[in-house]
Amino acid sequence: MKAKAARLEIKRQQQAIRAKEVAREKAIHDEEVRKYFEEKVLVRQERNAEVERRREALVASLRQQSSKWTTEENYTEKLKEDVFIYSPQQISARGSFDPSSTSGSAVSWLEKLQRMKPAGVEDSSDDEVAATAVASDADEQDAVGAVSADARKPTKDEE
């Protein structure tokens, strides 16, 4: 019995040692988790401060720009006739502007469309018309000839 009691005592001591190790590991883990969440809170606060700083900068720039906006108080001042009167330099520059020289303006596109001829209009050069007619006939024949004889369904006479 003494041997059995000694084995049980050793087993209890080992369990006590293991329990202390587990408690120490748990304390270490809890400390790491606490540090992680404290760092997470700090990062979140820094991020919120950065967002708030950007928001304040945006609001400040909008306040600065808002002095140029048209509001109920200043719309009569902004829409006075004097604002829309052009100087002689502007008028002369406007007259010398050639919209066909620019490629991106709506006016140049409109002028290009007006210069284009509709599809059904006959051109004065009959040679070009004849050449396009011959080319279109050749294209149609190529398209019809592309279907091979094997791909066709046999008619009743061929069967």
C-alpha atoms as a PDB file:
ATOM      1  CA  MET A   1       0.000   0.000   0.000  1.00  0.00           C
ATOM      2  CA  LYS A   2       2.846   2.298   0.726  1.00  0.00           C
ATOM      3  CA  ALA A   3       4.009   2.014  -2.882  1.00  0.00           C
ATOM      4  CA  LYS A   4       0.537   2.794  -4.156  1.00  0.00           C
ATOM      5  CA  ALA A   5       0.254   5.806  -1.820  1.00  0.00           C
ATOM      6  CA  ALA A   6       3.686   6.996  -2.975  1.00  0.00           C
ATOM      7  CA  ARG A   7       2.610   6.682  -6.660  1.00  0.00           C
ATOM      8  CA  LEU A   8      -0.601   8.605  -5.961  1.00  0.00           C
ATOM      9  CA  GLU A   9       1.367  11.293  -4.120  1.00  0.00           C
ATOM     10  CA  ILE A  10       3.781  11.616  -7.069  1.00  0.00           C
ATOM     11  CA  LYS A  11       0.798  11.785  -9.425  1.00  0.00           C
ATOM     12  CA  ARG A  12      -0.802  14.549  -7.314  1.00  0.00           C
ATOM     13  CA  GLN A  13       2.445  16.492  -7.268  1.00  0.00           C
ATOM     14  CA  GLN A  14       2.749  16.178 -11.064  1.00  0.00           C
ATOM     15  CA  GLN A  15      -0.857  17.360 -11.438  1.00  0.00           C
ATOM     16  CA  ALA A  16      -0.145  20.327  -9.156  1.00  0.00           C
ATOM     17  CA  ILE A  17       2.955  21.212 -11.192  1.00  0.00           C
ATOM     18  CA  ARG A  18       0.990  20.897 -14.441  1.00  0.00           C
ATOM     19  CA  ALA A  19      -1.840  23.024 -12.994  1.00  0.00           C
ATOM     20  CA  LYS A  20       0.697  25.752 -12.121  1.00  0.00           C
ATOM     21  CA  GLU A  21       2.152  25.577 -15.664  1.00  0.00           C
ATOM     22  CA  VAL A  22      -1.320  25.809 -17.199  1.00  0.00           C
ATOM     23  CA  ALA A  23      -2.184  28.773 -14.966  1.00  0.00           C
ATOM     24  CA  ARG A  24       1.091  30.498 -15.940  1.00  0.00           C
ATOM     25  CA  GLU A  25       0.464  29.832 -19.681  1.00  0.00           C
ATOM     26  CA  LYS A  26      -3.100  31.120 -19.317  1.00  0.00           C
ATOM     27  CA  ALA A  27      -1.849  34.284 -17.599  1.00  0.00           C
ATOM     28  CA  ILE A  28       0.717  34.827 -20.374  1.00  0.00           C
ATOM     29  CA  HIS A  29      -1.964  34.303 -23.021  1.00  0.00           C
ATOM     30  CA  ASP A  30      -4.387  36.667 -21.271  1.00  0.00           C
ATOM     31  CA  GLU A  31      -1.648  39.313 -21.072  1.00  0.00           C
ATOM     32  CA  GLU A  32      -0.923  38.952 -24.815  1.00  0.00           C
ATOM     33  CA  VAL A  33      -4.643  39.247 -25.628  1.00  0.00           C
ATOM     34  CA  ARG A  34      -4.918  42.346 -23.419  1.00  0.00           C
ATOM     35  CA  LYS A  35      -1.900  43.956 -25.125  1.00  0.00           C
ATOM     36  CA  TYR A  36      -3.312  43.115 -28.572  1.00  0.00           C
ATOM     37  CA  PHE A  37      -6.630  44.776 -27.817  1.00  0.00           C
ATOM     38  CA  GLU A  38      -4.928  47.804 -26.256  1.00  0.00           C
ATOM     39  CA  GLU A  39      -2.860  48.202 -29.445  1.00  0.00           C
ATOM     40  CA  LYS A  40      -6.003  47.743 -31.501  1.00  0.00           C
ATOM     41  CA  VAL A  41      -7.700  50.540 -29.560  1.00  0.00           C
ATOM     42  CA  LEU A  42      -4.689  52.810 -30.115  1.00  0.00           C
ATOM     43  CA  VAL A  43      -4.650  52.064 -33.846  1.00  0.00           C
ATOM     44  CA  ARG A  44      -8.388  52.733 -34.050  1.00  0.00           C
ATOM     45  CA  GLN A  45      -7.964  56.047 -32.218  1.00  0.00           C
ATOM     46  CA  GLU A  46      -5.110  57.069 -34.536  1.00  0.00           C
ATOM     47  CA  ARG A  47      -7.204  56.167 -37.576  1.00  0.00           C
ATOM     48  CA  ASN A  48     -10.202  58.098 -36.250  1.00  0.00           C
ATOM     49  CA  ALA A  49      -7.952  61.104 -35.572  1.00  0.00           C
ATOM     50  CA  GLU A  50      -6.616  60.916 -39.158  1.00  0.00           C
ATOM     51  CA  VAL A  51     -10.158  60.674 -40.560  1.00  0.00           C
ATOM     52  CA  GLU A  52     -11.250  63.611 -38.419  1.00  0.00           C
ATOM     53  CA  ARG A  53      -8.232  65.660 -39.567  1.00  0.00           C
ATOM     54  CA  ARG A  54      -9.052  64.943 -43.213  1.00  0.00           C
ATOM     55  CA  ARG A  55     -12.700  65.781 -42.627  1.00  0.00           C
ATOM     56  CA  GLU A  56     -11.747  69.106 -41.048  1.00  0.00           C
ATOM     57  CA  ALA A  57      -9.430  69.903 -43.974  1.00  0.00           C
ATOM     58  CA  LEU A  58     -12.212  69.102 -46.448  1.00  0.00           C
ATOM     59  CA  VAL A  59     -14.732  71.220 -44.556  1.00  0.00           C
ATOM     60  CA  ALA A  60     -12.237  74.095 -44.420  1.00  0.00           C
ATOM     61  CA  SER A  61     -11.612  73.907 -48.178  1.00  0.00           C
ATOM     62  CA  LEU A  62     -15.357  73.778 -48.855  1.00  0.00           C
ATOM     63  CA  ARG A  63     -15.887  76.810 -46.624  1.00  0.00           C
ATOM     64  CA  GLN A  64     -13.195  78.620 -48.587  1.00  0.00           C
ATOM     65  CA  GLN A  65     -14.779  77.641 -51.919  1.00  0.00           C
ATOM     66  CA  SER A  66     -18.289  78.471 -50.755  1.00  0.00           C
ATOM     67  CA  SER A  67     -17.555  82.186 -51.004  1.00  0.00           C
ATOM     68  CA  LYS A  68     -17.610  81.729 -54.801  1.00  0.00           C
ATOM     69  CA  TRP A  69     -20.876  79.797 -54.867  1.00  0.00           C
ATOM     70  CA  THR A  70     -24.173  81.310 -55.954  1.00  0.00           C
ATOM     71  CA  THR A  71     -26.590  81.574 -53.044  1.00  0.00           C
ATOM     72  CA  GLU A  72     -29.940  83.217 -52.455  1.00  0.00           C
ATOM     73  CA  GLU A  73     -28.217  86.288 -51.047  1.00  0.00           C
ATOM     74  CA  ASN A  74     -25.799  86.880 -53.940  1.00  0.00           C
ATOM     75  CA  TYR A  75     -27.543  85.442 -57.003  1.00  0.00           C
ATOM     76  CA  THR A  76     -28.722  88.853 -58.230  1.00  0.00           C
ATOM     77  CA  GLU A  77     -25.154  90.157 -58.009  1.00  0.00           C
ATOM     78  CA  LYS A  78     -23.728  87.121 -59.807  1.00  0.00           C
ATOM     79  CA  LEU A  79     -26.327  87.179 -62.585  1.00  0.00           C
ATOM     80  CA  LYS A  80     -26.131  90.881 -63.425  1.00  0.00           C
ATOM     81  CA  GLU A  81     -25.902  91.768 -67.085  1.00  0.00           C
ATOM     82  CA  ASP A  82     -22.418  93.238 -66.641  1.00  0.00           C
ATOM     83  CA  VAL A  83     -21.022  89.790 -65.960  1.00  0.00           C
ATOM     84  CA  PHE A  84     -21.989  88.540 -69.415  1.00  0.00           C
ATOM     85  CA  ILE A  85     -20.733  91.499 -71.465  1.00  0.00           C
ATOM     86  CA  TYR A  86     -17.657  90.483 -73.423  1.00  0.00           C
ATOM     87  CA  SER A  87     -14.596  92.632 -73.890  1.00  0.00           C
ATOM     88  CA  PRO A  88     -13.485  93.546 -77.447  1.00  0.00           C
ATOM     89  CA  GLN A  89     -10.580  91.095 -77.146  1.00  0.00           C
ATOM     90  CA  GLN A  90     -12.959  88.252 -76.332  1.00  0.00           C
ATOM     91  CA  ILE A  91     -15.220  89.155 -79.238  1.00  0.00           C
ATOM     92  CA  SER A  92     -12.332  89.299 -81.738  1.00  0.00           C
ATOM     93  CA  ALA A  93     -10.892  86.019 -80.439  1.00  0.00           C
ATOM     94  CA  ARG A  94     -14.284  84.406 -80.790  1.00  0.00           C
ATOM     95  CA  GLY A  95     -14.585  85.494 -84.427  1.00  0.00           C
ATOM     96  CA  SER A  96     -11.202  84.041 -85.341  1.00  0.00           C
ATOM     97  CA  PHE A  97     -12.000  80.671 -83.753  1.00  0.00           C
ATOM     98  CA  ASP A  98     -12.308  77.877 -86.323  1.00  0.00           C
ATOM     99  CA  PRO A  99     -14.275  74.983 -84.820  1.00  0.00           C
ATOM    100  CA  SER A 100     -13.337  72.629 -87.654  1.00  0.00           C
ATOM    101  CA  SER A 101      -9.684  72.815 -86.594  1.00  0.00           C
ATOM    102  CA  THR A 102     -10.479  71.236 -83.240  1.00  0.00           C
ATOM    103  CA  SER A 103     -11.381  67.596 -83.048  1.00  0.00           C
ATOM    104  CA  GLY A 104     -13.213  67.370 -79.755  1.00  0.00           C
ATOM    105  CA  SER A 105     -15.777  70.146 -79.804  1.00  0.00           C
ATOM    106  CA  ALA A 106     -19.448  69.534 -80.440  1.00  0.00           C
ATOM    107  CA  VAL A 107     -19.474  72.265 -83.083  1.00  0.00           C
ATOM    108  CA  SER A 108     -16.774  70.509 -85.101  1.00  0.00           C
ATOM    109  CA  TRP A 109     -18.724  67.237 -84.957  1.00  0.00           C
ATOM    110  CA  LEU A 110     -21.849  69.039 -86.103  1.00  0.00           C
ATOM    111  CA  GLU A 111     -19.998  70.592 -89.029  1.00  0.00           C
ATOM    112  CA  LYS A 112     -18.486  67.233 -89.982  1.00  0.00           C
ATOM    113  CA  LEU A 113     -21.948  65.668 -89.942  1.00  0.00           C
ATOM    114  CA  GLN A 114     -23.301  68.453 -92.140  1.00  0.00           C
ATOM    115  CA  ARG A 115     -20.494  67.932 -94.681  1.00  0.00           C
ATOM    116  CA  MET A 116     -21.154  64.194 -94.857  1.00  0.00           C
ATOM    117  CA  LYS A 117     -23.477  62.947 -97.566  1.00  0.00           C
ATOM    118  CA  PRO A 118     -26.418  60.661 -96.831  1.00  0.00           C
ATOM    119  CA  ALA A 119     -26.074  57.029 -97.877  1.00  0.00           C
ATOM    120  CA  GLY A 120     -28.522  57.215-100.798  1.00  0.00           C
ATOM    121  CA  VAL A 121     -27.132  60.349-102.470  1.00  0.00           C
ATOM    122  CA  GLU A 122     -25.575  59.778-105.919  1.00  0.00           C
ATOM    123  CA  ASP A 123     -22.081  61.191-106.307  1.00  0.00           C
ATOM    124  CA  SER A 124     -21.050  63.049-109.461  1.00  0.00           C
ATOM    125  CA  SER A 125     -18.161  60.692-110.138  1.00  0.00           C
ATOM    126  CA  ASP A 126     -19.726  57.650-111.813  1.00  0.00           C
ATOM    127  CA  ASP A 127     -16.428  55.738-111.714  1.00  0.00           C
ATOM    128  CA  GLU A 128     -16.484  55.566-107.913  1.00  0.00           C
ATOM    129  CA  VAL A 129     -20.130  54.460-107.879  1.00  0.00           C
ATOM    130  CA  ALA A 130     -19.416  51.704-110.400  1.00  0.00           C
ATOM    131  CA  ALA A 131     -16.355  50.553-108.449  1.00  0.00           C
ATOM    132  CA  THR A 132     -18.305  50.319-105.197  1.00  0.00           C
ATOM    133  CA  ALA A 133     -21.154  48.456-106.929  1.00  0.00           C
ATOM    134  CA  VAL A 134     -18.713  45.894-108.372  1.00  0.00           C
ATOM    135  CA  ALA A 135     -17.028  45.498-104.983  1.00  0.00           C
ATOM    136  CA  SER A 136     -20.344  44.970-103.189  1.00  0.00           C
ATOM    137  CA  ASP A 137     -21.430  42.367-105.789  1.00  0.00           C
ATOM    138  CA  ALA A 138     -18.132  40.540-105.291  1.00  0.00           C
ATOM    139  CA  ASP A 139     -18.620  40.572-101.517  1.00  0.00           C
ATOM    140  CA  GLU A 140     -22.115  39.093-101.879  1.00  0.00           C
ATOM    141  CA  GLN A 141     -20.842  36.334-104.173  1.00  0.00           C
ATOM    142  CA  ASP A 142     -18.034  35.519-101.719  1.00  0.00           C
ATOM    143  CA  ALA A 143     -20.553  35.285 -98.896  1.00  0.00           C
ATOM    144  CA  VAL A 144     -22.825  32.961-100.908  1.00  0.00           C
ATOM    145  CA  GLY A 145     -19.896  30.865-102.144  1.00  0.00           C
ATOM    146  CA  ALA A 146     -18.617  30.354 -98.606  1.00  0.00           C
ATOM    147  CA  VAL A 147     -21.289  27.730 -97.935  1.00  0.00           C
ATOM    148  CA  SER A 148     -19.913  24.421 -99.178  1.00  0.00           C
ATOM    149  CA  ALA A 149     -21.932  21.887-101.124  1.00  0.00           C
ATOM    150  CA  ASP A 150     -21.520  19.322 -98.331  1.00  0.00           C
ATOM    151  CA  ALA A 151     -23.123  21.627 -95.789  1.00  0.00           C
ATOM    152  CA  ARG A 152     -26.283  22.126 -97.874  1.00  0.00           C
ATOM    153  CA  LYS A 153     -29.347  19.978 -97.358  1.00  0.00           C
ATOM    154  CA  PRO A 154     -30.032  17.794-100.369  1.00  0.00           C
ATOM    155  CA  THR A 155     -33.182  18.644-102.272  1.00  0.00           C
ATOM    156  CA  LYS A 156     -35.764  16.047-103.338  1.00  0.00           C
ATOM    157  CA  ASP A 157     -34.295  15.908-106.853  1.00  0.00           C
ATOM    158  CA  GLU A 158     -30.800  15.152-105.521  1.00  0.00           C
ATOM    159  CA  GLU A 159     -32.021  12.318-103.287  1.00  0.00           C
END
